Amino acid sequence: MRIHVVGIGAVGNFVAFHLRRTLAPRHSVFALHRSETFGLIQNRPDGAVLSVERDGSVVQQDGVVHVPYGEPRTRSRKSDFGPAALNAEDDPDVRGRLGPIDSLIVTTKAYAVPPLLTLLRPNLSRDSTIVLLHNGMGVYEKVIADVFPEPHNRPNFVFCTNTHGLYSSGFLHTVHSGIGQIRLGIVPDSFGRNYEASYHAADDPLDAQLSLDDIADISNEENITPRYLNLRNTIAALVNAPGLRASWEPFHVVQIAMRSKLVVNAFVNPVTALLQCKNGEVLKTKYGRNVADRVCREAERIYRIHWDREVKEQLRTYTQNPSVETPPPPFPRALEASVMMKEIERVVEQTKNNYSSMYMDVKLRRPTEIAFLNGYLVKMADKAKFRPFMNVSLLNHIKMREMIPLVTQP
């Protein structure tokens, strides 16, 4: 098995570390790097070992194969200052030498995923598995529209939510500041295979369980194709790495978790970025609570509008008897405004001493993921002809903030 991880920041380093720590030596874990980053790795005396720190204790892991994928890092910042860029040139030949990619775990910023997969498109096929481990929503829709428009040439995709507290304190060094979990949901198969057959066939919902054999039955190796074997191996590798605390769950369950997390980020990230404060400051006043409440109420309204249509579509995909009309389940409590508000309160308290990723993006004058947070909610609302004023306001203010450099001195 060959697993490639791209986006070797805090999350990518953490994932590659635990995969290499768990998988048998015969399985390879590759870390894909931009051109200039790979140049730095080649000059490291420690051989580019990965480090994860928890409660002041640092553990190192070697054996990860570091390879370049050719794309240069270019950051042009729209500000009063000149663009900052590292002028490494793109090298398509480097990607040619990578060969076919069986399993790709993407941990980059949301806005970087579509162009990255465009670059790696020659290395990917319908037999590949792509795990999307990023903030926000709307990336998958853009990827299948721009990179994989033909369903029968489309890889398997896995959606994720990640609640681990992670940040980088140096090159290839991740600090694990809070133990969380990674939840995996497989996008329905373009060819019609039901990955959740055992789960939906259970007579008692309490006994329902997913089975890897619904992806690929390894007891019948003659009938296993690379498409499904790569998917099974990817899910198994992630779930069996204890440090990741990953679980495979029904797709609709992971979608609900993603939408709940989206609302948390749609409040915490832009507010901390605009105010340049720690997470713990955002709910200390009634004004912050008012903003959070409005974000949650708008999100609930948006989610309710789309709920029936989306659930009916998924029921048609996974039902055992398509001719029988199955009523949609009730609107999930996790997406009610009051529950999402409590989740914001919980996350703010848990991460009160942390700076959000968008805070750091604004501080360092990098692009933000706002289009995949509040921007995603606004797009959903537009389809329902509803104007979510608070989310529109936060979206516009962050777009302004990206254009105007912070004043560090009077």
Protein backbone atom coordinates (compact mmCIF):
# COMPACT_ATOMS: atom_id res chain seq x y z
CA MET A 1 0.00 0.00 0.00
CA ARG A 2 1.22 3.51 -0.86
CA ILE A 3 -0.32 6.52 0.90
CA HIS A 4 0.54 10.08 -0.11
CA VAL A 5 -0.09 13.00 2.27
CA VAL A 6 0.00 16.52 0.84
CA GLY A 7 -0.08 19.69 2.91
CA ILE A 8 2.58 18.92 5.51
CA GLY A 9 1.61 21.56 8.04
CA ALA A 10 0.33 20.80 11.52
CA VAL A 11 -2.43 18.42 10.38
CA GLY A 12 -0.56 16.72 7.54
CA ASN A 13 2.50 16.15 9.71
CA PHE A 14 0.25 14.68 12.44
CA VAL A 15 -1.49 12.29 10.02
CA ALA A 16 1.71 11.15 8.29
CA PHE A 17 3.39 10.64 11.70
CA HIS A 18 0.67 8.31 12.99
CA LEU A 19 0.24 6.41 9.72
CA ARG A 20 3.96 5.68 9.54
CA ARG A 21 3.98 4.77 13.25
CA THR A 22 1.17 2.23 12.78
CA LEU A 23 1.55 0.71 9.31
CA ALA A 24 3.86 -2.24 8.69
CA PRO A 25 7.17 -1.35 6.98
CA ARG A 26 6.03 -2.92 3.71
CA HIS A 27 3.52 -0.10 3.35
CA SER A 28 4.90 3.27 2.22
CA VAL A 29 3.91 6.72 3.48
CA PHE A 30 4.93 9.63 1.25
CA ALA A 31 4.93 13.30 2.21
CA LEU A 32 4.47 15.52 -0.84
CA HIS A 33 6.20 18.90 -0.71
CA ARG A 34 6.41 22.01 -2.84
CA SER A 35 9.65 22.55 -4.73
CA GLU A 36 11.34 24.95 -2.32
CA THR A 37 10.18 23.07 0.80
CA PHE A 38 11.69 19.87 -0.54
CA GLY A 39 14.94 21.76 -1.03
CA LEU A 40 14.96 22.60 2.68
CA ILE A 41 14.33 18.96 3.60
CA GLN A 42 17.28 17.74 1.57
CA ASN A 43 19.59 19.91 3.67
CA ARG A 44 18.30 18.76 7.08
CA PRO A 45 20.86 16.79 9.11
CA ASP A 46 18.16 14.72 10.90
CA GLY A 47 16.87 13.18 7.68
CA ALA A 48 13.55 15.01 7.94
CA VAL A 49 12.01 13.04 10.80
CA LEU A 50 8.50 14.02 11.85
CA SER A 51 7.87 15.25 15.40
CA VAL A 52 4.68 15.38 17.45
CA GLU A 53 4.65 17.08 20.84
CA ARG A 54 2.08 16.42 23.55
CA ASP A 55 2.23 17.93 27.07
CA GLY A 56 5.86 18.92 26.57
CA SER A 57 6.97 15.45 25.47
CA VAL A 58 8.29 15.13 21.90
CA VAL A 59 8.15 11.88 19.94
CA GLN A 60 9.93 11.52 16.60
CA GLN A 61 9.13 9.23 13.69
CA ASP A 62 11.30 8.43 10.70
CA GLY A 63 10.54 6.30 7.66
CA VAL A 64 8.30 8.79 5.85
CA VAL A 65 9.47 9.26 2.26
CA HIS A 66 9.67 12.95 1.33
CA VAL A 67 9.15 13.73 -2.34
CA PRO A 68 8.50 16.91 -4.34
CA TYR A 69 5.43 17.39 -6.51
CA GLY A 70 6.79 20.39 -8.41
CA GLU A 71 4.43 23.25 -7.53
CA PRO A 72 6.20 26.41 -6.35
CA ARG A 73 4.91 28.47 -3.45
CA THR A 74 3.75 31.83 -4.77
CA ARG A 75 1.92 34.27 -2.53
CA SER A 76 0.87 37.55 -4.06
CA ARG A 77 -0.68 39.70 -1.39
CA LYS A 78 -3.00 42.50 -2.40
CA SER A 79 -1.83 45.27 -0.14
CA ASP A 80 0.14 48.49 -0.11
CA PHE A 81 3.31 46.43 -0.16
CA GLY A 82 4.89 44.53 -2.98
CA PRO A 83 4.05 40.85 -3.56
CA ALA A 84 6.01 38.34 -1.52
CA ALA A 85 6.92 35.25 -3.51
CA LEU A 86 9.50 32.52 -3.71
CA ASN A 87 10.32 32.18 -7.36
CA ALA A 88 10.75 28.43 -7.70
CA GLU A 89 9.42 27.27 -11.06
CA ASP A 90 6.82 24.57 -11.52
CA ASP A 91 8.23 21.29 -12.85
CA PRO A 92 5.64 18.89 -14.37
CA ASP A 93 8.36 16.26 -14.84
CA VAL A 94 8.56 15.90 -11.06
CA ARG A 95 4.91 14.86 -10.94
CA GLY A 96 5.50 12.46 -13.79
CA ARG A 97 8.08 10.65 -11.69
CA LEU A 98 5.56 10.26 -8.84
CA GLY A 99 3.64 7.67 -10.83
CA PRO A 100 0.06 6.62 -10.06
CA ILE A 101 -1.32 7.68 -6.66
CA ASP A 102 -3.48 5.05 -4.95
CA SER A 103 -4.40 7.03 -1.85
CA LEU A 104 -4.07 10.79 -1.37
CA ILE A 105 -4.79 12.55 1.94
CA VAL A 106 -5.18 16.29 1.37
CA THR A 107 -4.57 18.54 4.39
CA THR A 108 -3.97 21.87 2.65
CA LYS A 109 -5.99 25.06 3.02
CA ALA A 110 -9.42 24.71 1.42
CA TYR A 111 -8.72 27.19 -1.40
CA ALA A 112 -5.56 25.25 -2.35
CA VAL A 113 -7.31 21.91 -2.93
CA PRO A 114 -8.77 22.45 -6.45
CA PRO A 115 -5.54 23.79 -8.02
CA LEU A 116 -3.52 21.09 -6.25
CA LEU A 117 -5.72 18.28 -7.59
CA THR A 118 -5.57 19.88 -11.03
CA LEU A 119 -1.78 19.60 -10.90
CA LEU A 120 -1.93 15.99 -9.69
CA ARG A 121 -4.72 14.99 -12.09
CA PRO A 122 -2.37 12.92 -14.33
CA ASN A 123 -1.37 10.89 -11.26
CA LEU A 124 -4.96 10.21 -10.19
CA SER A 125 -7.56 7.89 -11.69
CA ARG A 126 -10.92 6.40 -10.85
CA ASP A 127 -9.00 3.76 -8.88
CA SER A 128 -7.59 6.42 -6.52
CA THR A 129 -8.98 7.42 -3.14
CA ILE A 130 -8.84 11.10 -2.10
CA VAL A 131 -9.35 12.00 1.56
CA LEU A 132 -10.36 15.65 2.04
CA LEU A 133 -9.12 16.74 5.47
CA HIS A 134 -9.53 20.52 5.42
CA ASN A 135 -11.64 23.28 6.98
CA GLY A 136 -14.87 24.50 5.46
CA MET A 137 -17.26 23.13 2.85
CA GLY A 138 -17.79 23.52 -0.87
CA VAL A 139 -14.38 22.20 -1.94
CA TYR A 140 -15.70 18.86 -3.18
CA GLU A 141 -18.33 20.53 -5.35
CA LYS A 142 -15.67 22.69 -6.99
CA VAL A 143 -13.32 19.74 -7.48
CA ILE A 144 -15.87 17.53 -9.23
CA ALA A 145 -16.99 20.43 -11.41
CA ASP A 146 -13.50 21.57 -12.44
CA VAL A 147 -11.20 18.54 -12.08
CA PHE A 148 -13.35 15.37 -12.25
CA PRO A 149 -16.51 16.33 -14.16
CA GLU A 150 -17.10 12.80 -15.50
CA PRO A 151 -18.59 10.56 -12.76
CA HIS A 152 -17.15 7.37 -14.25
CA ASN A 153 -13.61 8.77 -14.23
CA ARG A 154 -13.91 10.12 -10.69
CA PRO A 155 -11.89 8.76 -7.74
CA ASN A 156 -13.50 7.77 -4.48
CA PHE A 157 -13.72 10.71 -2.08
CA VAL A 158 -13.77 10.65 1.71
CA PHE A 159 -15.06 13.61 3.73
CA CYS A 160 -13.63 14.32 7.19
CA THR A 161 -14.11 16.38 10.29
CA ASN A 162 -11.15 16.87 12.61
CA THR A 163 -11.43 18.12 16.19
CA HIS A 164 -7.83 17.55 17.30
CA GLY A 165 -6.10 20.70 18.53
CA LEU A 166 -2.98 21.01 16.38
CA TYR A 167 -0.48 23.73 15.54
CA SER A 168 3.05 23.92 14.15
CA SER A 169 5.92 25.07 16.31
CA GLY A 170 8.57 24.45 13.69
CA PHE A 171 9.27 22.68 10.44
CA LEU A 172 7.81 19.12 10.58
CA HIS A 173 6.96 19.67 14.27
CA THR A 174 3.30 19.50 15.36
CA VAL A 175 2.06 20.37 18.85
CA HIS A 176 -0.97 18.26 19.80
CA SER A 177 -2.67 20.75 22.11
CA GLY A 178 -6.04 19.01 22.42
CA ILE A 179 -7.17 15.43 21.89
CA GLY A 180 -10.07 15.15 19.49
CA GLN A 181 -11.17 12.78 16.78
CA ILE A 182 -11.32 12.39 13.00
CA ARG A 183 -14.63 11.25 11.50
CA LEU A 184 -14.64 9.76 8.00
CA GLY A 185 -17.58 9.54 5.59
CA ILE A 186 -17.33 8.02 2.11
CA VAL A 187 -19.07 9.87 -0.72
CA PRO A 188 -21.55 7.54 -2.52
CA ASP A 189 -19.95 5.51 -5.28
CA SER A 190 -20.20 6.76 -8.88
CA PHE A 191 -20.62 3.13 -9.98
CA GLY A 192 -23.41 2.32 -7.56
CA ARG A 193 -21.66 0.16 -4.96
CA ASN A 194 -23.37 0.56 -1.58
CA TYR A 195 -20.61 1.11 0.96
CA GLU A 196 -23.17 1.24 3.77
CA ALA A 197 -25.22 -1.87 2.87
CA SER A 198 -24.68 -3.64 6.20
CA TYR A 199 -25.50 -0.49 8.15
CA HIS A 200 -28.81 0.12 6.37
CA ALA A 201 -29.76 -3.57 6.39
CA ALA A 202 -29.75 -3.82 10.19
CA ASP A 203 -33.17 -4.55 11.71
CA ASP A 204 -32.37 -2.54 14.83
CA PRO A 205 -30.69 0.87 14.31
CA LEU A 206 -28.77 0.32 17.54
CA ASP A 207 -27.14 -2.75 15.96
CA ALA A 208 -26.26 -1.01 12.68
CA GLN A 209 -22.57 -1.20 11.80
CA LEU A 210 -20.50 -0.40 8.76
CA SER A 211 -18.43 -3.18 7.24
CA LEU A 212 -15.21 -2.92 5.25
CA ASP A 213 -16.42 -5.95 3.26
CA ASP A 214 -19.10 -3.73 1.72
CA ILE A 215 -16.24 -1.75 0.18
CA ALA A 216 -14.16 -4.75 -0.89
CA ASP A 217 -14.59 -8.34 0.29
CA ILE A 218 -11.03 -9.57 0.74
CA SER A 219 -12.26 -13.17 1.16
CA ASN A 220 -12.98 -13.11 -2.58
CA GLU A 221 -9.77 -11.60 -3.92
CA GLU A 222 -10.44 -12.56 -7.55
CA ASN A 223 -13.32 -10.09 -7.76
CA ILE A 224 -11.60 -7.17 -6.04
CA THR A 225 -10.71 -4.23 -8.30
CA PRO A 226 -8.04 -1.65 -7.41
CA ARG A 227 -10.71 1.05 -7.02
CA TYR A 228 -12.33 -0.65 -4.05
CA LEU A 229 -9.21 -2.23 -2.58
CA ASN A 230 -7.51 1.19 -2.40
CA LEU A 231 -10.56 2.64 -0.66
CA ARG A 232 -10.78 -0.20 1.84
CA ASN A 233 -7.06 0.00 2.61
CA THR A 234 -7.22 3.77 3.10
CA ILE A 235 -10.15 3.59 5.53
CA ALA A 236 -8.54 0.70 7.40
CA ALA A 237 -5.18 2.47 7.68
CA LEU A 238 -6.74 5.62 9.14
CA VAL A 239 -9.11 3.83 11.52
CA ASN A 240 -6.40 1.46 12.78
CA ALA A 241 -3.95 4.26 13.66
CA PRO A 242 -4.80 4.75 17.36
CA GLY A 243 -3.20 8.18 17.64
CA LEU A 244 -5.54 9.59 14.99
CA ARG A 245 -8.66 8.43 16.86
CA ALA A 246 -10.39 8.08 13.49
CA SER A 247 -13.76 6.43 12.91
CA TRP A 248 -15.66 5.55 9.75
CA GLU A 249 -19.27 6.67 10.03
CA PRO A 250 -22.30 6.88 7.71
CA PHE A 251 -21.93 9.64 5.17
CA HIS A 252 -24.98 11.62 6.32
CA VAL A 253 -23.73 11.56 9.93
CA VAL A 254 -20.37 13.03 8.88
CA GLN A 255 -22.14 15.68 6.78
CA ILE A 256 -24.10 16.80 9.86
CA ALA A 257 -20.86 16.99 11.87
CA MET A 258 -19.20 18.98 9.08
CA ARG A 259 -22.05 21.48 9.01
CA SER A 260 -22.00 21.91 12.76
CA LYS A 261 -18.25 22.52 12.71
CA LEU A 262 -18.68 24.90 9.78
CA VAL A 263 -20.88 27.17 11.89
CA VAL A 264 -18.36 27.18 14.75
CA ASN A 265 -15.62 28.22 12.34
CA ALA A 266 -17.92 30.72 10.59
CA PHE A 267 -18.14 32.62 13.88
CA VAL A 268 -14.80 32.06 15.62
CA ASN A 269 -12.48 32.43 12.63
CA PRO A 270 -13.66 35.73 11.11
CA VAL A 271 -14.32 37.40 14.48
CA THR A 272 -10.87 36.54 15.88
CA ALA A 273 -9.28 37.57 12.58
CA LEU A 274 -11.07 40.93 12.51
CA LEU A 275 -10.44 41.71 16.18
CA GLN A 276 -6.98 40.07 16.24
CA CYS A 277 -7.73 38.30 19.51
CA LYS A 278 -7.54 34.84 21.03
CA ASN A 279 -10.52 32.51 20.72
CA GLY A 280 -11.44 32.97 24.36
CA GLU A 281 -12.20 36.67 23.90
CA VAL A 282 -15.03 36.38 21.41
CA LEU A 283 -17.91 35.54 23.79
CA LYS A 284 -16.93 37.74 26.72
CA THR A 285 -19.36 40.50 25.77
CA LYS A 286 -23.02 40.53 24.83
CA TYR A 287 -22.02 41.91 21.43
CA GLY A 288 -19.98 38.82 20.61
CA ARG A 289 -22.78 36.57 21.81
CA ASN A 290 -25.25 38.48 19.64
CA VAL A 291 -23.08 37.89 16.57
CA ALA A 292 -22.72 34.18 17.38
CA ASP A 293 -26.47 33.83 17.94
CA ARG A 294 -27.25 35.46 14.60
CA VAL A 295 -24.74 33.25 12.73
CA CYS A 296 -26.36 30.16 14.27
CA ARG A 297 -29.93 31.25 13.51
CA GLU A 298 -29.10 32.03 9.91
CA ALA A 299 -27.30 28.70 9.51
CA GLU A 300 -30.22 26.73 10.96
CA ARG A 301 -32.61 28.38 8.52
CA ILE A 302 -30.30 27.59 5.59
CA TYR A 303 -29.84 23.98 6.68
CA ARG A 304 -33.58 23.44 7.16
CA ILE A 305 -34.34 24.70 3.65
CA HIS A 306 -31.93 22.18 2.12
CA TRP A 307 -32.57 19.25 4.50
CA ASP A 308 -35.51 17.43 2.90
CA ARG A 309 -34.09 17.51 -0.62
CA GLU A 310 -30.64 16.28 0.40
CA VAL A 311 -31.89 13.52 2.68
CA LYS A 312 -34.32 12.19 0.07
CA GLU A 313 -31.44 12.02 -2.43
CA GLN A 314 -29.28 10.04 0.02
CA LEU A 315 -32.14 7.70 0.90
CA ARG A 316 -32.53 6.90 -2.80
CA THR A 317 -28.81 6.09 -2.95
CA TYR A 318 -28.68 3.77 0.05
CA THR A 319 -32.18 2.33 0.43
CA GLN A 320 -32.50 -1.44 0.10
CA ASN A 321 -35.78 -1.11 -1.82
CA PRO A 322 -35.84 1.98 -4.07
CA SER A 323 -39.51 1.42 -4.96
CA VAL A 324 -40.60 2.03 -1.36
CA GLU A 325 -41.00 5.69 -0.38
CA THR A 326 -39.09 6.23 2.86
CA PRO A 327 -39.96 9.33 4.87
CA PRO A 328 -36.97 11.54 5.61
CA PRO A 329 -35.69 11.54 9.19
CA PRO A 330 -36.39 14.57 11.36
CA PHE A 331 -34.14 17.61 11.12
CA PRO A 332 -31.02 16.85 13.18
CA ARG A 333 -30.89 18.44 16.60
CA ALA A 334 -27.15 19.11 16.13
CA LEU A 335 -28.06 21.72 13.49
CA GLU A 336 -30.54 23.63 15.63
CA ALA A 337 -29.36 27.15 16.49
CA SER A 338 -29.40 26.62 20.26
CA VAL A 339 -27.31 23.44 19.98
CA MET A 340 -24.80 25.03 17.59
CA MET A 341 -24.51 27.97 19.99
CA LYS A 342 -23.63 25.56 22.81
CA GLU A 343 -21.03 23.96 20.52
CA ILE A 344 -19.50 27.38 19.86
CA GLU A 345 -19.34 27.98 23.62
CA ARG A 346 -17.69 24.58 24.16
CA VAL A 347 -15.08 25.08 21.44
CA VAL A 348 -14.30 28.66 22.55
CA GLU A 349 -13.74 27.47 26.11
CA GLN A 350 -11.66 24.49 25.03
CA THR A 351 -9.46 26.63 22.76
CA LYS A 352 -9.58 29.88 24.73
CA ASN A 353 -5.81 30.33 24.72
CA ASN A 354 -5.44 29.54 21.01
CA TYR A 355 -5.31 31.76 17.96
CA SER A 356 -7.54 30.69 15.07
CA SER A 357 -6.09 29.78 11.69
CA MET A 358 -7.79 32.81 10.12
CA TYR A 359 -6.28 35.07 12.78
CA MET A 360 -2.85 33.84 11.66
CA ASP A 361 -3.73 34.15 7.97
CA VAL A 362 -4.71 37.79 8.42
CA LYS A 363 -1.76 38.55 10.67
CA LEU A 364 0.66 37.07 8.12
CA ARG A 365 -1.25 38.54 5.15
CA ARG A 366 -2.10 35.16 3.67
CA PRO A 367 -5.31 34.24 1.82
CA THR A 368 -8.11 33.08 4.12
CA GLU A 369 -10.65 30.26 3.86
CA ILE A 370 -13.61 32.61 4.29
CA ALA A 371 -15.12 31.57 0.92
CA PHE A 372 -15.48 28.02 2.25
CA LEU A 373 -16.91 29.08 5.62
CA ASN A 374 -19.33 32.02 5.60
CA GLY A 375 -19.07 32.11 1.82
CA TYR A 376 -20.43 28.56 1.63
CA LEU A 377 -23.39 29.47 3.86
CA VAL A 378 -24.11 32.53 1.72
CA LYS A 379 -24.10 30.41 -1.46
CA MET A 380 -26.50 27.91 0.11
CA ALA A 381 -28.76 30.78 1.17
CA ASP A 382 -28.68 32.32 -2.31
CA LYS A 383 -30.08 29.08 -3.75
CA ALA A 384 -32.98 29.38 -1.31
CA LYS A 385 -33.41 33.10 -2.04
CA PHE A 386 -32.58 34.00 1.56
CA ARG A 387 -30.17 36.76 2.60
CA PRO A 388 -28.14 35.82 5.71
CA PHE A 389 -27.08 39.33 6.70
CA MET A 390 -24.62 38.47 9.50
CA ASN A 391 -22.78 35.89 7.39
CA VAL A 392 -22.69 38.28 4.44
CA SER A 393 -21.29 40.98 6.71
CA LEU A 394 -18.54 38.74 8.11
CA LEU A 395 -17.67 37.56 4.60
CA ASN A 396 -17.36 41.12 3.30
CA HIS A 397 -15.39 42.34 6.30
CA ILE A 398 -12.82 39.55 5.94
CA LYS A 399 -12.53 40.25 2.21
CA MET A 400 -11.83 43.89 3.10
CA ARG A 401 -9.33 42.79 5.74
CA GLU A 402 -7.47 40.71 3.16
CA MET A 403 -7.07 43.78 0.97
CA ILE A 404 -5.94 46.19 3.71
CA PRO A 405 -2.74 45.49 5.66
CA LEU A 406 -2.91 45.61 9.44
CA VAL A 407 -1.51 48.78 10.98
CA THR A 408 1.23 47.68 13.36
CA GLN A 409 2.44 51.18 14.25
CA PRO A 410 0.57 54.51 14.45
